[in-house]
N, C-alpha and C. Protein backbone atom coordinates (compact mmCIF):
# COMPACT_ATOMS: atom_id res chain seq x y z
N MET A 1 4.17 24.48 -26.45
CA MET A 1 3.66 23.67 -27.13
C MET A 1 3.43 24.58 -28.18
N ASP A 2 2.85 23.76 -29.20
CA ASP A 2 2.53 23.90 -30.54
C ASP A 2 0.92 23.73 -30.53
N GLN A 3 0.49 24.78 -31.52
CA GLN A 3 -1.33 24.67 -31.44
C GLN A 3 -2.03 23.48 -32.07
N GLY A 4 -1.02 23.18 -33.43
CA GLY A 4 -1.06 21.70 -33.91
C GLY A 4 -1.01 20.77 -33.34
N ILE A 5 0.26 20.01 -32.26
CA ILE A 5 0.12 19.25 -31.29
C ILE A 5 -0.94 19.43 -30.58
N ILE A 6 -1.52 20.64 -29.50
CA ILE A 6 -2.25 20.97 -29.24
C ILE A 6 -4.53 19.98 -29.61
N LEU A 7 -4.08 20.61 -31.10
CA LEU A 7 -5.24 19.98 -31.72
C LEU A 7 -5.57 18.63 -32.19
N ASP A 8 -4.40 17.95 -32.52
CA ASP A 8 -3.75 16.68 -32.48
C ASP A 8 -4.39 15.76 -31.24
N TYR A 9 -3.58 16.33 -29.89
CA TYR A 9 -4.22 15.46 -28.94
C TYR A 9 -5.49 15.52 -28.47
N GLY A 10 -6.46 16.47 -28.95
CA GLY A 10 -7.80 16.86 -28.48
C GLY A 10 -8.51 15.89 -29.37
N ARG A 11 -7.90 15.82 -30.72
CA ARG A 11 -8.68 15.13 -31.97
C ARG A 11 -8.67 13.54 -31.30
N GLU A 12 -6.89 13.02 -30.79
CA GLU A 12 -7.16 11.82 -30.42
C GLU A 12 -7.79 11.52 -28.82
N ALA A 13 -7.93 12.77 -28.17
CA ALA A 13 -8.83 12.55 -27.29
C ALA A 13 -10.27 12.00 -27.98
N ILE A 14 -11.16 12.97 -28.25
CA ILE A 14 -12.12 12.54 -28.72
C ILE A 14 -12.41 11.10 -29.32
N ILE A 15 -11.37 11.00 -29.99
CA ILE A 15 -11.23 9.38 -30.40
C ILE A 15 -11.21 8.28 -29.59
N LEU A 16 -10.33 8.60 -28.64
CA LEU A 16 -10.00 7.35 -27.68
C LEU A 16 -11.54 7.04 -27.16
N THR A 17 -12.00 8.65 -26.59
CA THR A 17 -13.74 8.47 -26.01
C THR A 17 -14.64 7.68 -26.33
N LEU A 18 -14.28 7.75 -27.88
CA LEU A 18 -15.66 6.72 -28.58
C LEU A 18 -15.42 5.70 -28.89
N LYS A 19 -13.90 5.44 -28.82
CA LYS A 19 -13.62 3.71 -29.14
C LYS A 19 -14.01 3.69 -27.49
N LEU A 20 -13.62 3.88 -26.68
CA LEU A 20 -13.48 3.22 -25.54
C LEU A 20 -15.16 3.13 -24.78
N GLY A 21 -16.24 4.14 -25.69
CA GLY A 21 -17.78 4.08 -25.19
C GLY A 21 -18.53 2.91 -26.36
N ALA A 22 -17.70 2.65 -27.22
CA ALA A 22 -18.61 2.32 -28.30
C ALA A 22 -19.27 0.64 -27.91
N PRO A 23 -17.86 -0.07 -27.21
CA PRO A 23 -18.61 -1.47 -27.07
C PRO A 23 -19.63 -1.28 -26.43
N THR A 24 -19.50 -0.74 -25.05
CA THR A 24 -20.63 -0.66 -24.25
C THR A 24 -22.30 -0.04 -24.59
N LEU A 25 -22.02 0.79 -25.23
CA LEU A 25 -22.95 1.31 -26.17
C LEU A 25 -23.91 0.82 -27.71
N LEU A 26 -23.02 -0.29 -27.83
CA LEU A 26 -23.45 -0.81 -28.97
C LEU A 26 -23.80 -2.15 -28.22
N VAL A 27 -23.45 -2.63 -26.90
CA VAL A 27 -23.89 -3.97 -26.58
C VAL A 27 -25.51 -3.14 -26.11
N ALA A 28 -25.39 -2.09 -25.88
CA ALA A 28 -26.76 -1.76 -24.93
C ALA A 28 -28.13 -1.47 -25.95
N LEU A 29 -27.52 -0.95 -27.58
CA LEU A 29 -27.94 -1.05 -28.40
C LEU A 29 -28.77 -2.03 -28.98
N ILE A 30 -27.67 -2.99 -29.21
CA ILE A 30 -28.06 -4.78 -29.38
C ILE A 30 -29.65 -5.21 -28.27
N VAL A 31 -29.16 -5.67 -27.37
CA VAL A 31 -29.61 -5.88 -26.18
C VAL A 31 -31.76 -4.60 -26.18
N GLY A 32 -31.04 -3.93 -26.06
CA GLY A 32 -32.61 -2.85 -26.45
C GLY A 32 -33.02 -3.13 -27.83
N VAL A 33 -32.59 -2.96 -28.58
CA VAL A 33 -33.45 -3.84 -29.73
C VAL A 33 -34.24 -5.28 -29.86
N ALA A 34 -33.40 -6.29 -29.07
CA ALA A 34 -33.96 -7.17 -29.22
C ALA A 34 -34.87 -7.39 -27.97
N ILE A 35 -34.78 -6.81 -27.17
CA ILE A 35 -35.60 -6.49 -26.09
C ILE A 35 -37.11 -6.38 -26.71
N GLY A 36 -36.81 -4.95 -27.09
CA GLY A 36 -38.28 -4.53 -27.77
C GLY A 36 -38.96 -5.04 -28.50
N LEU A 37 -37.91 -5.92 -29.68
CA LEU A 37 -39.06 -6.70 -30.42
C LEU A 37 -39.68 -7.67 -29.47
N LEU A 38 -38.83 -8.31 -28.93
CA LEU A 38 -39.47 -9.41 -28.12
C LEU A 38 -40.76 -8.68 -27.64
N GLN A 39 -40.88 -7.44 -26.60
CA GLN A 39 -42.23 -6.84 -25.91
C GLN A 39 -43.11 -6.79 -27.15
N ALA A 40 -42.37 -6.43 -28.44
CA ALA A 40 -43.47 -5.66 -29.34
C ALA A 40 -44.60 -7.31 -29.78
N LEU A 41 -43.61 -8.66 -30.01
CA LEU A 41 -44.37 -9.47 -30.45
C LEU A 41 -44.89 -10.29 -29.52
N THR A 42 -44.53 -10.45 -28.48
CA THR A 42 -45.31 -10.89 -26.78
C THR A 42 -46.62 -9.87 -26.20
N GLN A 43 -46.66 -8.64 -26.63
CA GLN A 43 -47.45 -7.57 -26.41
C GLN A 43 -47.09 -7.88 -24.38
N ILE A 44 -45.94 -7.95 -23.97
CA ILE A 44 -45.15 -7.80 -22.73
C ILE A 44 -45.13 -6.15 -22.46
N GLN A 45 -45.28 -5.18 -21.43
CA GLN A 45 -45.02 -3.83 -21.24
C GLN A 45 -44.70 -4.14 -20.23
N GLU A 46 -43.18 -4.83 -19.50
CA GLU A 46 -43.30 -4.24 -18.42
C GLU A 46 -41.55 -3.77 -18.67
N MET A 47 -41.65 -2.86 -17.75
CA MET A 47 -40.75 -1.24 -17.65
C MET A 47 -39.50 -2.33 -17.24
N THR A 48 -38.94 -3.58 -16.25
CA THR A 48 -38.40 -4.28 -16.06
C THR A 48 -37.50 -4.85 -17.19
N LEU A 49 -38.27 -5.28 -17.80
CA LEU A 49 -37.75 -6.69 -18.60
C LEU A 49 -36.85 -5.74 -19.96
N SER A 50 -37.39 -4.57 -19.29
CA SER A 50 -36.15 -3.52 -20.78
C SER A 50 -34.91 -3.21 -20.38
N PHE A 51 -35.19 -3.03 -19.23
CA PHE A 51 -33.93 -2.13 -18.25
C PHE A 51 -32.90 -3.52 -17.69
N VAL A 52 -33.56 -4.09 -16.98
CA VAL A 52 -32.64 -5.52 -16.48
C VAL A 52 -31.70 -5.59 -17.18
N PRO A 53 -32.23 -6.40 -18.46
CA PRO A 53 -31.08 -7.55 -19.28
C PRO A 53 -29.67 -6.09 -20.01
N LYS A 54 -30.92 -4.89 -19.88
CA LYS A 54 -29.71 -3.99 -21.06
C LYS A 54 -28.67 -3.83 -19.68
N ILE A 55 -28.73 -3.48 -18.90
CA ILE A 55 -27.68 -3.13 -17.71
C ILE A 55 -26.99 -4.26 -17.35
N VAL A 56 -27.27 -5.42 -17.11
CA VAL A 56 -26.50 -6.50 -16.88
C VAL A 56 -25.82 -6.84 -18.19
N ALA A 57 -26.18 -6.69 -19.17
CA ALA A 57 -25.27 -6.99 -20.75
C ALA A 57 -24.40 -6.08 -20.52
N MET A 58 -24.59 -4.31 -20.11
CA MET A 58 -23.72 -3.62 -20.10
C MET A 58 -22.50 -3.77 -19.22
N PHE A 59 -23.19 -4.10 -18.04
CA PHE A 59 -21.60 -3.71 -17.09
C PHE A 59 -21.02 -5.41 -17.37
N LEU A 60 -21.50 -6.66 -18.05
CA LEU A 60 -21.04 -7.53 -18.76
C LEU A 60 -20.14 -6.54 -19.59
N THR A 61 -20.40 -6.46 -20.30
CA THR A 61 -19.27 -6.42 -21.42
C THR A 61 -18.29 -4.64 -20.83
N LEU A 62 -18.57 -4.17 -19.87
CA LEU A 62 -17.62 -3.15 -19.45
C LEU A 62 -16.31 -4.10 -19.05
N PHE A 63 -16.84 -5.34 -18.06
CA PHE A 63 -16.05 -6.24 -17.46
C PHE A 63 -15.33 -6.75 -18.14
N ALA A 64 -15.43 -6.97 -18.87
CA ALA A 64 -14.90 -7.87 -20.07
C ALA A 64 -13.86 -6.49 -21.33
N ALA A 65 -13.86 -5.24 -21.16
CA ALA A 65 -13.60 -4.47 -21.96
C ALA A 65 -12.19 -3.95 -21.00
N ILE A 66 -12.71 -4.20 -19.35
CA ILE A 66 -11.65 -3.40 -18.87
C ILE A 66 -10.32 -3.16 -19.09
N PRO A 67 -9.68 -4.47 -19.23
CA PRO A 67 -8.16 -4.82 -19.96
C PRO A 67 -7.93 -3.35 -21.18
N TYR A 68 -8.56 -3.77 -22.10
CA TYR A 68 -8.37 -2.41 -23.16
C TYR A 68 -8.72 -1.78 -22.99
N MET A 69 -9.33 -1.05 -22.07
CA MET A 69 -9.91 0.26 -22.20
C MET A 69 -8.43 0.78 -21.08
N GLY A 70 -8.33 0.41 -19.74
CA GLY A 70 -6.75 0.46 -19.42
C GLY A 70 -5.78 0.62 -19.95
N HIS A 71 -5.17 -0.12 -21.08
CA HIS A 71 -3.96 -0.06 -21.65
C HIS A 71 -4.16 1.26 -22.53
N GLU A 72 -5.13 1.40 -23.51
CA GLU A 72 -5.64 2.53 -24.22
C GLU A 72 -5.33 3.71 -23.15
N LEU A 73 -5.53 4.10 -22.16
CA LEU A 73 -5.83 5.01 -21.48
C LEU A 73 -4.20 4.79 -21.32
N ILE A 74 -3.78 4.24 -20.30
CA ILE A 74 -2.14 4.16 -20.11
C ILE A 74 -1.28 4.74 -21.26
N GLU A 75 -1.06 4.00 -22.85
CA GLU A 75 -0.60 4.64 -23.71
C GLU A 75 -1.04 6.31 -23.88
N PHE A 76 -2.49 6.29 -24.01
CA PHE A 76 -2.63 7.79 -24.45
C PHE A 76 -1.92 8.86 -23.23
N THR A 77 -1.77 8.83 -21.98
CA THR A 77 -1.23 9.64 -21.15
C THR A 77 0.21 9.50 -21.22
N ARG A 78 0.79 8.33 -21.66
CA ARG A 78 1.91 8.04 -21.79
C ARG A 78 2.56 8.76 -23.15
N ARG A 79 2.06 9.11 -24.16
CA ARG A 79 1.89 9.59 -25.26
C ARG A 79 2.07 11.39 -24.49
N ILE A 80 1.33 11.68 -24.12
CA ILE A 80 0.94 13.28 -23.38
C ILE A 80 2.24 13.56 -22.85
N ALA A 81 2.61 12.73 -21.80
CA ALA A 81 3.16 13.26 -20.30
C ALA A 81 5.11 12.51 -21.17
N ASP A 82 5.24 12.05 -22.22
CA ASP A 82 6.42 12.30 -23.11
C ASP A 82 6.77 13.76 -23.47
N GLN A 83 5.66 13.51 -24.43
CA GLN A 83 5.39 15.24 -24.83
C GLN A 83 5.42 16.40 -23.89
N MET A 84 5.44 16.75 -23.25
CA MET A 84 5.36 17.04 -21.59
C MET A 84 6.64 17.33 -21.21
N ILE A 85 7.25 16.43 -21.40
CA ILE A 85 9.09 15.82 -20.65
C ILE A 85 9.88 16.46 -21.81
N GLY A 86 9.24 16.30 -22.79
CA GLY A 86 10.51 17.23 -24.37
C GLY A 86 10.14 18.68 -24.28
N MET A 87 9.29 19.34 -23.21
CA MET A 87 8.75 20.62 -24.31
C MET A 87 9.60 21.90 -23.05
N PRO A 88 10.36 22.50 -23.48
CA PRO A 88 11.35 23.73 -23.45
C PRO A 88 10.51 24.60 -21.81
N ILE A 89 10.77 24.49 -20.93
CA ILE A 89 10.48 25.65 -20.11
C ILE A 89 10.99 27.33 -20.42
N ASN A 90 9.69 28.07 -20.60
CA ASN A 90 10.14 29.00 -20.54
C ASN A 90 10.52 30.22 -19.13
């Protein structure tokens, strides 16, 4: 296998990791900022108030994004497997 191909798949794996993690992280960021703003405005400093809604929102986002994540991972794995099938054996 050529070094360029290995680097391309490594780069693609990093981009895929970012694409798969981004929806959950963005929802956590948005919910965290909203809860922080709510806590600052109402001066309620309860730890579970910031933790529980963020976890629930992340699980709902993860549940909704699982089909997309599975599809992307399967396609990436197929491309790598197709590349490996075409490799000559030394």
